[in-house]
Each structure stands twice: as structure tokens, then as C-alpha cells.
């Protein structure tokens, strides 16, 4: 018979004490989702919870990770029924769990819960606002509690939680869960990221403060973050191609500019380990989805080959090749100045991109490909001669 307290690590079990919020900080693959699902399942089985809230960064994340994922509720709970159209889980004893999205904090209004599990809190678009709405609904039962599972990022909302007196914290690095991960996974990531700030955050689950030598500050990003963008007179997709066939990350960022001179980061579709055909298709898809005007591609690592690869994905793709003649810090400085002026808005949350922006100081061998793509996009939008706006139906 499955007995989670026997198999779980101590960091995956709810702490003792009269806490209201349990904050589980862990590296990638550290078993955070399993811990959350098992905690919910146990509270239902013990009769402690009957009205439960499940909150993720998006509706898709809640369903695909927290509910239907390999470590989600359906995999650890017996005889629970899932009604996707109603966004509802129901147990035989009458307990119910509602699937909710942190992307729209207002959707949390009106609900009452005795238990809430929020996953990847540091990825939520407006974490403090969504958390406030969730806590206001945590008002049923004799002992209402909330669990937040997340890989840490140095955002104000997470820092405030760590300083709060009623928050219990557990931590787990990725390596602690190595037995339950694909063979070689931990060794592979350690070889690439050990000793780096990204590795300390994503693998060790450490909260890494902003690099004081970096050009960007998280406070600038947070202060200007939006949930939607206005009409944009120009939209571009910028790509920083990887150097090799199966090289490092391919930076793909979508951004636009409105008629008032403000910029909007709309999407970060970057990914690592992609073949040229795959990343080119990803760029073409971003271009079509955003109804963009053009694709901006850095050509230092391939010249006309970059254009040829992109045209194979879409023969009609308008491509502008750009070449880096200055260092990354010098090229990034004008973009960072726009952020400091409050003129650039992130429409949603782009955790990996924002981490690169707030950590890169020009040192280190690893290239910040997402940040590079962002810089190319903003250079086109704000430093190139103004072009006639494209008329698009929205």
C-alpha cells in the first residue's frame, strides 16, 4: 500500500506548528508537485479539507501539471473524478477542488476555501495581488492553510513571504530527488550550470538576489508589468540563434511598440537544444501568432545561413539580419535605460528572461540568449527610423 510519509523526504512533508502558509522552495525536479498533490490528498482523506483551491500561473498549468501531471492529483488520489469543463475535482466524501488561474487575480474573488495549493508562485504574473486574493478566500474550517510550491526567484512577493512570521519554509535541491529523475539528468545539469547563479537558483533552490552590477532591476520590471497590451503600431520577433546544430539556448522574444512610445514584451518563446529546423519553425510560429511586422535575427553566428534557415520554415518570412559590433553590455544599455524610464512593460511574467536580465553583468562564459533577443527587439523598435505602422485586424 502506498504510504507517502514513509517514502517522502522530510522537506516534502508539511512542517509542524501553527503556520498559515507553507512555502516549499525547491530546484527543478525536486518533487515540489508531488509534495503538493500528496498534501492535498492527505487532507481530504483525513477530513481536514472539503473546499480546496488549486492555483497555477495559468489555467493550462493547473490542469496539465497540478491535476493531470505525472505527479499531479489524479496520479496520487484514488476515486477522484475530474470535470474539466467545470474546472472541478470531486472526491467520494464530497470534498471539491476548484482549478483557478493566477493570471487573472479577480477570478479568485467570491470563492471560500479551507485549503489552497498554489504552484510555481514565483512565475505568477502578479504574485502579490493573486496571493492577497487567495488569502482573503482562505476562511473556512478550523485550520485553513495554504501551500506554495515554487522554484525561487528574487521577486518582492517571495521576499515578503520569507520575512513573514506565519510562514513555514522547507527547501530541497534537485539532487535530493535524483532517484526519481531520468538517469543522468542531475549530472547533465550540474555539468552545465554548477557554480553559476542560474544553477544555484534552478538546481539548489536558493533565492539569488539581484546582481548589483547588472543593468536591470526587478523593481523596474515589476512596477511596469501589465496584464494586457494596447494597440501596437509595430511588432517584431527577435531571434538570437544558437551557435551549433544542437547548441545552447535559442533566444526568441516578441515585442511591440505603441503610438505613445512605450514598448511591450509579449512573449518569450526561447528554448534550448533545438535543431535549426525546429527553432526556425518556432520563430515562424511566433511571427504568425503575434501578427508581427518582421523578424530580427542576429547573424554573427551564421550570416545568410540564418536567413535561409528561417525562410525554409516560412518562405515569405520578412527577415532583417543584424550584426553585433559592440559588446553585450554596451548594446544592452539603451534597452535598460528604457526600463528605468518606465517605458517598457512585460505583458505577463517571463521568469527565465527576467532572471537573465537582472543577473547578467558582462562576466561569465554563458551567453544570455533570451536577453540578447530582447535587446535586438527593442533596438529595432526604438533606435531604428520610424516606419509606417502596419494596419492589422485585432
Protein backbone atom coordinates (compact mmCIF):
# COMPACT_ATOMS: atom_id res chain seq x y z
CA UNK A 1 0.00 0.00 0.00
CA UNK A 2 1.28 3.47 -0.86
CA UNK A 3 2.27 5.41 2.24
CA UNK A 4 3.58 8.84 1.35
CA UNK A 5 5.06 9.80 4.77
CA UNK A 6 7.28 6.70 4.55
CA UNK A 7 8.59 7.44 1.03
CA UNK A 8 8.75 11.23 1.20
CA UNK A 9 11.78 13.26 2.15
CA UNK A 10 11.38 15.49 5.19
CA UNK A 11 11.32 18.64 3.04
CA UNK A 12 8.27 17.25 1.18
CA UNK A 13 6.21 16.85 4.35
CA UNK A 14 4.18 19.60 5.98
CA UNK A 15 6.12 21.23 8.84
CA UNK A 16 4.89 21.01 12.39
CA UNK A 17 3.46 24.07 14.08
CA UNK A 18 0.64 26.58 13.72
CA UNK A 19 1.72 28.12 10.43
CA UNK A 20 -0.82 29.56 8.00
CA UNK A 21 1.41 29.34 4.89
CA UNK A 22 3.85 26.57 3.99
CA UNK A 23 6.44 27.73 1.45
CA UNK A 24 8.28 24.88 -0.28
CA UNK A 25 11.29 26.17 -2.21
CA UNK A 26 12.92 23.61 -4.48
CA UNK A 27 15.07 23.19 -7.55
CA UNK A 28 13.78 21.89 -10.87
CA UNK A 29 12.58 18.31 -10.43
CA UNK A 30 12.92 18.43 -6.63
CA UNK A 31 9.49 16.86 -6.08
CA UNK A 32 7.51 20.02 -5.31
CA UNK A 33 4.46 19.00 -7.35
CA UNK A 34 4.33 15.56 -5.75
CA UNK A 35 4.55 17.15 -2.31
CA UNK A 36 1.65 19.47 -3.11
CA UNK A 37 -0.57 16.76 -4.54
CA UNK A 38 0.11 14.38 -1.63
CA UNK A 39 -0.60 17.15 0.89
CA UNK A 40 -3.98 17.85 -0.67
CA UNK A 41 -4.81 14.14 -0.91
CA UNK A 42 -3.94 13.59 2.75
CA UNK A 43 -6.02 16.50 4.00
CA UNK A 44 -9.03 15.23 2.06
CA UNK A 45 -8.56 11.66 3.28
CA UNK A 46 -8.26 12.84 6.89
CA UNK A 47 -11.37 15.01 6.61
CA UNK A 48 -9.43 18.23 7.20
CA UNK A 49 -10.32 19.83 3.88
CA UNK A 50 -13.52 19.87 1.83
CA UNK A 51 -13.23 23.13 -0.14
CA UNK A 52 -9.89 23.38 -1.90
CA UNK A 53 -8.34 25.89 -4.28
CA UNK A 54 -5.73 24.86 -6.85
CA UNK A 55 -3.91 27.88 -8.28
CA UNK A 56 -1.28 27.90 -11.02
CA UNK A 57 0.34 30.52 -13.21
CA UNK A 58 -2.21 29.74 -15.96
CA UNK A 59 -5.26 27.50 -16.37
CA UNK A 60 -3.15 25.21 -18.53
CA UNK A 61 -0.52 24.85 -15.79
CA UNK A 62 -3.15 23.93 -13.21
CA UNK A 63 -4.65 21.21 -15.37
CA UNK A 64 -1.53 19.78 -17.03
CA UNK A 65 0.78 19.91 -14.00
CA UNK A 66 -1.19 20.03 -10.76
CA UNK A 67 -4.06 17.77 -11.82
CA UNK A 68 -3.13 15.59 -14.80
CA UNK A 69 0.66 15.68 -14.49
CA UNK A 70 2.76 12.64 -13.69
CA UNK A 71 2.98 13.83 -10.07
CA UNK A 72 -0.41 15.55 -10.04
CA UNK A 73 -3.54 14.87 -8.04
CA UNK A 74 -5.02 12.28 -10.37
CA UNK A 75 -1.88 10.15 -10.07
CA UNK A 76 -1.79 10.15 -6.26
CA UNK A 77 -5.51 10.15 -5.41
CA UNK A 78 -7.91 7.24 -5.77
CA UNK A 79 -11.54 7.52 -6.85
CA UNK A 80 -11.43 11.22 -7.56
CA UNK A 81 -13.43 12.47 -10.54
CA UNK A 82 -12.26 15.29 -12.77
CA UNK A 83 -14.75 17.51 -14.59
CA UNK A 84 -12.61 19.63 -16.96
CA UNK A 85 -15.49 21.74 -18.29
CA UNK A 86 -16.36 22.82 -14.74
CA UNK A 87 -12.69 23.03 -13.66
CA UNK A 88 -13.59 20.83 -10.72
CA UNK A 89 -12.22 17.79 -8.88
CA UNK A 90 -14.62 15.86 -6.67
CA UNK A 91 -13.91 13.14 -4.11
CA UNK A 92 -16.40 10.46 -2.96
CA UNK A 93 -16.60 12.06 0.50
CA UNK A 94 -17.90 15.31 -1.03
CA UNK A 95 -14.65 17.29 -0.99
CA UNK A 96 -14.15 19.54 -4.02
CA UNK A 97 -11.17 21.32 -5.54
CA UNK A 98 -11.52 24.29 -7.90
CA UNK A 99 -8.97 24.92 -10.66
CA UNK A 100 -8.06 28.62 -10.75
CA UNK A 101 -5.55 30.78 -12.60
CA UNK A 102 -3.29 33.38 -11.01
CA UNK A 103 -3.15 35.13 -14.40
CA UNK A 104 -6.47 36.78 -13.50
CA UNK A 105 -6.50 37.50 -9.74
CA UNK A 106 -10.08 38.77 -9.95
CA UNK A 107 -11.22 35.24 -10.77
CA UNK A 108 -10.28 34.28 -7.20
CA UNK A 109 -12.93 36.59 -5.77
CA UNK A 110 -16.09 35.03 -4.41
CA UNK A 111 -14.58 31.65 -3.50
CA UNK A 112 -14.14 30.33 0.02
CA UNK A 113 -11.62 27.63 0.91
CA UNK A 114 -10.26 25.71 3.87
CA UNK A 115 -7.14 24.71 1.92
CA UNK A 116 -5.21 26.13 -1.06
CA UNK A 117 -2.26 24.84 -3.04
CA UNK A 118 -0.50 27.35 -5.29
CA UNK A 119 2.18 26.03 -7.64
CA UNK A 120 5.20 27.89 -9.11
CA UNK A 121 4.31 31.03 -7.19
CA UNK A 122 7.37 32.91 -8.48
CA UNK A 123 6.07 32.53 -12.06
CA UNK A 124 2.71 34.16 -11.38
CA UNK A 125 2.20 37.33 -13.41
CA UNK A 126 1.11 39.40 -10.39
CA UNK A 127 2.07 37.20 -7.44
CA UNK A 128 1.31 39.60 -4.60
CA UNK A 129 -2.13 40.53 -5.94
CA UNK A 130 -3.08 36.91 -6.61
CA UNK A 131 -1.80 35.81 -3.20
CA UNK A 132 -3.80 38.55 -1.47
CA UNK A 133 -6.98 37.43 -3.24
CA UNK A 134 -6.29 33.79 -2.31
CA UNK A 135 -5.67 34.58 1.36
CA UNK A 136 -8.90 36.57 1.58
CA UNK A 137 -10.76 33.44 0.48
CA UNK A 138 -8.95 31.15 2.93
CA UNK A 139 -11.64 31.49 5.58
CA UNK A 140 -13.39 28.13 6.05
CA UNK A 141 -12.83 25.43 8.64
CA UNK A 142 -10.96 25.32 11.93
CA UNK A 143 -7.46 25.32 10.48
CA UNK A 144 -7.30 26.86 6.96
CA UNK A 145 -3.87 26.54 5.37
CA UNK A 146 -2.06 27.38 2.15
CA UNK A 147 0.88 25.68 0.45
CA UNK A 148 3.03 27.47 -2.12
CA UNK A 149 5.46 25.32 -4.10
CA UNK A 150 7.98 27.13 -6.28
CA UNK A 151 11.47 27.43 -7.63
CA UNK A 152 12.61 30.69 -6.00
CA UNK A 153 13.18 34.00 -7.76
CA UNK A 154 14.13 37.27 -6.09
CA UNK A 155 10.73 38.92 -6.51
CA UNK A 156 9.28 41.21 -3.80
CA UNK A 157 6.31 38.93 -3.08
CA UNK A 158 8.55 35.96 -2.31
CA UNK A 159 10.89 38.05 -0.18
CA UNK A 160 7.91 39.28 1.84
CA UNK A 161 6.77 35.70 2.46
CA UNK A 162 10.20 34.68 3.70
CA UNK A 163 10.13 37.54 6.22
CA UNK A 164 6.57 36.87 7.45
CA UNK A 165 6.16 35.27 10.91
CA UNK A 166 3.35 32.85 9.99
CA UNK A 167 5.21 31.21 7.07
CA UNK A 168 6.96 27.86 7.45
CA UNK A 169 9.70 27.18 4.89
CA UNK A 170 11.16 23.92 3.58
CA UNK A 171 13.84 23.63 0.89
CA UNK A 172 15.04 20.89 -1.43
CA UNK A 173 17.70 20.89 -4.17
CA UNK A 174 17.18 18.91 -7.36
CA UNK A 175 19.87 16.39 -6.40
CA UNK A 176 17.82 15.15 -3.44
CA UNK A 177 15.27 13.72 -5.86
CA UNK A 178 17.79 12.19 -8.28
CA UNK A 179 16.43 8.64 -7.77
CA UNK A 180 13.09 9.71 -9.29
CA UNK A 181 14.52 11.57 -12.29
CA UNK A 182 15.78 10.34 -15.65
CA UNK A 183 19.24 8.74 -15.49
CA UNK A 184 21.95 11.33 -15.92
CA UNK A 185 19.59 14.32 -15.62
CA UNK A 186 21.16 15.77 -12.47
CA UNK A 187 24.70 15.10 -13.70
CA UNK A 188 23.94 16.77 -17.05
CA UNK A 189 22.51 19.92 -15.48
CA UNK A 190 25.27 20.09 -12.88
CA UNK A 191 27.90 19.96 -15.62
CA UNK A 192 26.27 22.89 -17.40
CA UNK A 193 25.19 25.08 -14.50
CA UNK A 194 27.15 24.12 -11.36
CA UNK A 195 28.68 27.18 -9.74
CA UNK A 196 26.53 29.63 -11.73
CA UNK A 197 23.83 31.86 -10.30
CA UNK A 198 21.27 30.13 -12.51
CA UNK A 199 22.38 26.76 -11.16
CA UNK A 200 22.14 27.89 -7.56
CA UNK A 201 18.59 29.10 -8.21
CA UNK A 202 17.20 26.42 -10.53
CA UNK A 203 19.03 23.38 -9.09
CA UNK A 204 19.71 24.25 -5.46
CA UNK A 205 16.52 26.22 -4.89
CA UNK A 206 18.39 29.21 -3.49
CA UNK A 207 16.99 32.72 -3.56
CA UNK A 208 19.53 34.72 -5.56
CA UNK A 209 19.38 38.46 -5.07
CA UNK A 210 19.73 40.86 -7.98
CA UNK A 211 23.26 41.38 -9.21
CA UNK A 212 24.12 44.96 -8.29
CA UNK A 213 26.42 45.13 -11.31
CA UNK A 214 23.64 44.18 -13.75
CA UNK A 215 21.94 46.79 -15.93
CA UNK A 216 18.37 45.87 -14.94
CA UNK A 217 16.48 45.90 -11.63
CA UNK A 218 13.50 43.71 -10.85
CA UNK A 219 11.75 46.70 -9.31
CA UNK A 220 11.67 48.40 -12.74
CA UNK A 221 10.08 45.33 -14.32
CA UNK A 222 7.54 44.82 -11.54
CA UNK A 223 6.48 48.47 -11.48
CA UNK A 224 5.64 48.48 -15.20
CA UNK A 225 4.20 44.97 -15.56
CA UNK A 226 0.79 44.72 -17.26
CA UNK A 227 -1.80 42.03 -17.91
CA UNK A 228 -2.63 43.21 -21.43
CA UNK A 229 -1.21 45.45 -24.14
CA UNK A 230 -2.88 48.31 -26.04
CA UNK A 231 -2.96 48.56 -29.83
CA UNK A 232 0.62 48.29 -31.10
CA UNK A 233 1.81 50.12 -34.20
CA UNK A 234 4.73 47.72 -34.72
CA UNK A 235 5.50 44.18 -33.54
CA UNK A 236 8.74 42.29 -34.08
CA UNK A 237 10.06 38.82 -33.35
CA UNK A 238 13.75 38.87 -32.43
CA UNK A 239 15.88 35.74 -32.53
CA UNK A 240 19.38 35.11 -31.21
CA UNK A 241 20.27 31.76 -32.87
CA UNK A 242 22.34 29.13 -31.06
CA UNK A 243 25.89 28.71 -32.29
CA UNK A 244 25.72 25.00 -33.10
CA UNK A 245 23.44 22.35 -34.54
CA UNK A 246 22.37 21.36 -31.02
CA UNK A 247 23.78 24.41 -29.31
CA UNK A 248 22.79 26.49 -26.35
CA UNK A 249 19.54 28.34 -25.90
CA UNK A 250 17.91 29.99 -28.88
CA UNK A 251 16.56 33.36 -27.77
CA UNK A 252 13.15 34.17 -29.29
CA UNK A 253 11.35 37.24 -27.93
CA UNK A 254 8.24 39.02 -29.25
CA UNK A 255 7.87 42.73 -28.51
CA UNK A 256 5.92 45.71 -29.78
CA UNK A 257 5.63 49.48 -29.55
CA UNK A 258 2.53 51.61 -29.16
CA UNK A 259 1.87 55.05 -30.60
CA UNK A 260 2.78 56.73 -27.30
CA UNK A 261 6.34 55.43 -27.42
CA UNK A 262 6.06 52.61 -24.90
CA UNK A 263 7.33 49.08 -25.52
CA UNK A 264 5.62 45.82 -24.62
CA UNK A 265 7.27 42.41 -24.24
CA UNK A 266 4.59 39.98 -25.40
CA UNK A 267 6.22 36.55 -25.38
CA UNK A 268 9.41 34.67 -24.65
CA UNK A 269 9.50 31.52 -26.79
CA UNK A 270 13.16 30.75 -26.19
CA UNK A 271 14.30 27.17 -25.72
CA UNK A 272 17.50 25.14 -25.54
CA UNK A 273 18.74 22.18 -27.55
CA UNK A 274 16.78 22.90 -30.72
CA UNK A 275 17.90 21.95 -34.22
CA UNK A 276 17.90 24.77 -36.83
CA UNK A 277 14.67 23.49 -38.38
CA UNK A 278 12.92 23.41 -35.01
CA UNK A 279 13.96 26.84 -33.79
CA UNK A 280 13.19 28.35 -37.19
CA UNK A 281 9.69 26.84 -37.06
CA UNK A 282 9.32 28.26 -33.56
CA UNK A 283 10.22 31.72 -34.86
CA UNK A 284 7.80 31.43 -37.79
CA UNK A 285 5.01 30.37 -35.43
CA UNK A 286 5.71 33.33 -33.13
CA UNK A 287 5.59 35.65 -36.16
CA UNK A 288 2.18 34.33 -37.26
CA UNK A 289 0.71 34.23 -33.75
CA UNK A 290 1.72 37.79 -32.93
CA UNK A 291 0.82 39.12 -36.40
CA UNK A 292 4.29 40.64 -36.39
CA UNK A 293 5.78 43.01 -38.95
CA UNK A 294 9.20 41.42 -39.25
CA UNK A 295 11.76 39.05 -37.79
CA UNK A 296 15.04 40.46 -36.46
CA UNK A 297 17.83 37.86 -36.47
CA UNK A 298 21.38 38.16 -35.21
CA UNK A 299 23.67 36.97 -37.99
CA UNK A 300 27.06 36.90 -36.24
CA UNK A 301 26.92 33.11 -35.94
CA UNK A 302 25.72 32.26 -39.42
CA UNK A 303 25.19 35.18 -41.73
CA UNK A 304 22.95 34.40 -44.67
CA UNK A 305 22.54 30.83 -43.42
CA UNK A 306 20.32 32.22 -40.65
CA UNK A 307 18.05 33.86 -43.22
CA UNK A 308 17.99 30.66 -45.30
CA UNK A 309 17.00 28.53 -42.30
CA UNK A 310 14.19 30.90 -41.39
CA UNK A 311 12.92 31.05 -44.98
CA UNK A 312 12.75 27.24 -45.03
CA UNK A 313 10.24 27.47 -42.18
CA UNK A 314 8.25 30.17 -43.99
CA UNK A 315 9.28 31.26 -47.48
CA UNK A 316 7.50 34.61 -47.06
CA UNK A 317 9.00 35.44 -43.68
CA UNK A 318 10.41 39.02 -43.73
CA UNK A 319 13.84 38.76 -42.14
CA UNK A 320 16.19 41.58 -41.16
CA UNK A 321 19.72 40.46 -40.29
CA UNK A 322 21.62 42.42 -37.65
CA UNK A 323 25.27 42.19 -36.67
CA UNK A 324 26.79 42.84 -33.24
CA UNK A 325 29.68 45.28 -33.47
CA UNK A 326 29.81 46.13 -29.75
CA UNK A 327 29.88 44.10 -26.54
CA UNK A 328 26.69 42.82 -24.92
CA UNK A 329 26.71 45.36 -22.09
CA UNK A 330 27.12 48.28 -24.47
CA UNK A 331 24.33 47.01 -26.72
CA UNK A 332 22.03 46.37 -23.76
CA UNK A 333 22.49 49.75 -22.05
CA UNK A 334 19.92 51.67 -24.18
CA UNK A 335 17.32 48.95 -23.57
CA UNK A 336 17.96 49.03 -19.82
CA UNK A 337 17.56 52.83 -19.85
CA UNK A 338 14.08 52.42 -21.36
CA UNK A 339 13.14 50.12 -18.47
CA UNK A 340 14.47 52.59 -15.90
CA UNK A 341 12.28 55.27 -17.51
CA UNK A 342 9.23 53.01 -17.10
CA UNK A 343 8.67 52.79 -20.85
CA UNK A 344 8.90 49.01 -21.25
CA UNK A 345 6.12 46.76 -19.96
CA UNK A 346 6.13 43.00 -19.60
CA UNK A 347 2.70 41.67 -20.51
CA UNK A 348 2.69 38.76 -18.09
CA UNK A 349 5.65 37.12 -16.41
CA UNK A 350 8.75 35.81 -18.19
CA UNK A 351 10.76 34.26 -15.38
CA UNK A 352 13.80 32.97 -17.28
CA UNK A 353 14.16 36.15 -19.34
CA UNK A 354 13.86 38.38 -16.29
CA UNK A 355 16.40 36.32 -14.39
CA UNK A 356 18.92 36.74 -17.21
CA UNK A 357 18.29 40.48 -17.36
CA UNK A 358 18.78 41.00 -13.63
CA UNK A 359 21.85 38.79 -13.32
CA UNK A 360 23.96 39.46 -16.41
CA UNK A 361 26.86 41.83 -15.75
CA UNK A 362 29.08 41.04 -18.72
CA UNK A 363 31.05 38.33 -16.94
CA UNK A 364 30.77 34.58 -17.36
CA UNK A 365 31.08 32.40 -20.41
CA UNK A 366 27.41 31.57 -20.89
CA UNK A 367 25.58 33.90 -23.25
CA UNK A 368 22.22 35.33 -22.06
CA UNK A 369 20.39 34.42 -25.28
CA UNK A 370 16.93 35.49 -24.12
CA UNK A 371 18.26 38.88 -23.05
CA UNK A 372 20.12 39.23 -26.36
CA UNK A 373 16.92 38.63 -28.31
CA UNK A 374 15.11 41.22 -26.17
CA UNK A 375 17.84 43.79 -26.82
CA UNK A 376 17.64 43.22 -30.60
CA UNK A 377 13.85 43.64 -30.49
CA UNK A 378 13.99 46.91 -28.56
CA UNK A 379 16.82 48.22 -30.74
CA UNK A 380 14.59 47.81 -33.79
CA UNK A 381 11.56 49.31 -32.09
CA UNK A 382 13.28 52.32 -30.53
CA UNK A 383 16.54 53.01 -32.36
CA UNK A 384 15.62 52.38 -35.99
CA UNK A 385 13.96 55.09 -38.11
CA UNK A 386 10.21 55.14 -37.59
CA UNK A 387 8.32 53.11 -40.15
CA UNK A 388 4.74 53.42 -41.33
CA UNK A 389 2.55 51.41 -38.97
CA UNK A 390 1.13 48.20 -40.30
CA UNK A 391 -2.68 48.07 -40.38
CA UNK A 392 -3.82 44.86 -38.69
CA UNK A 393 -7.17 43.49 -37.61
CA UNK A 394 -7.30 42.70 -33.91
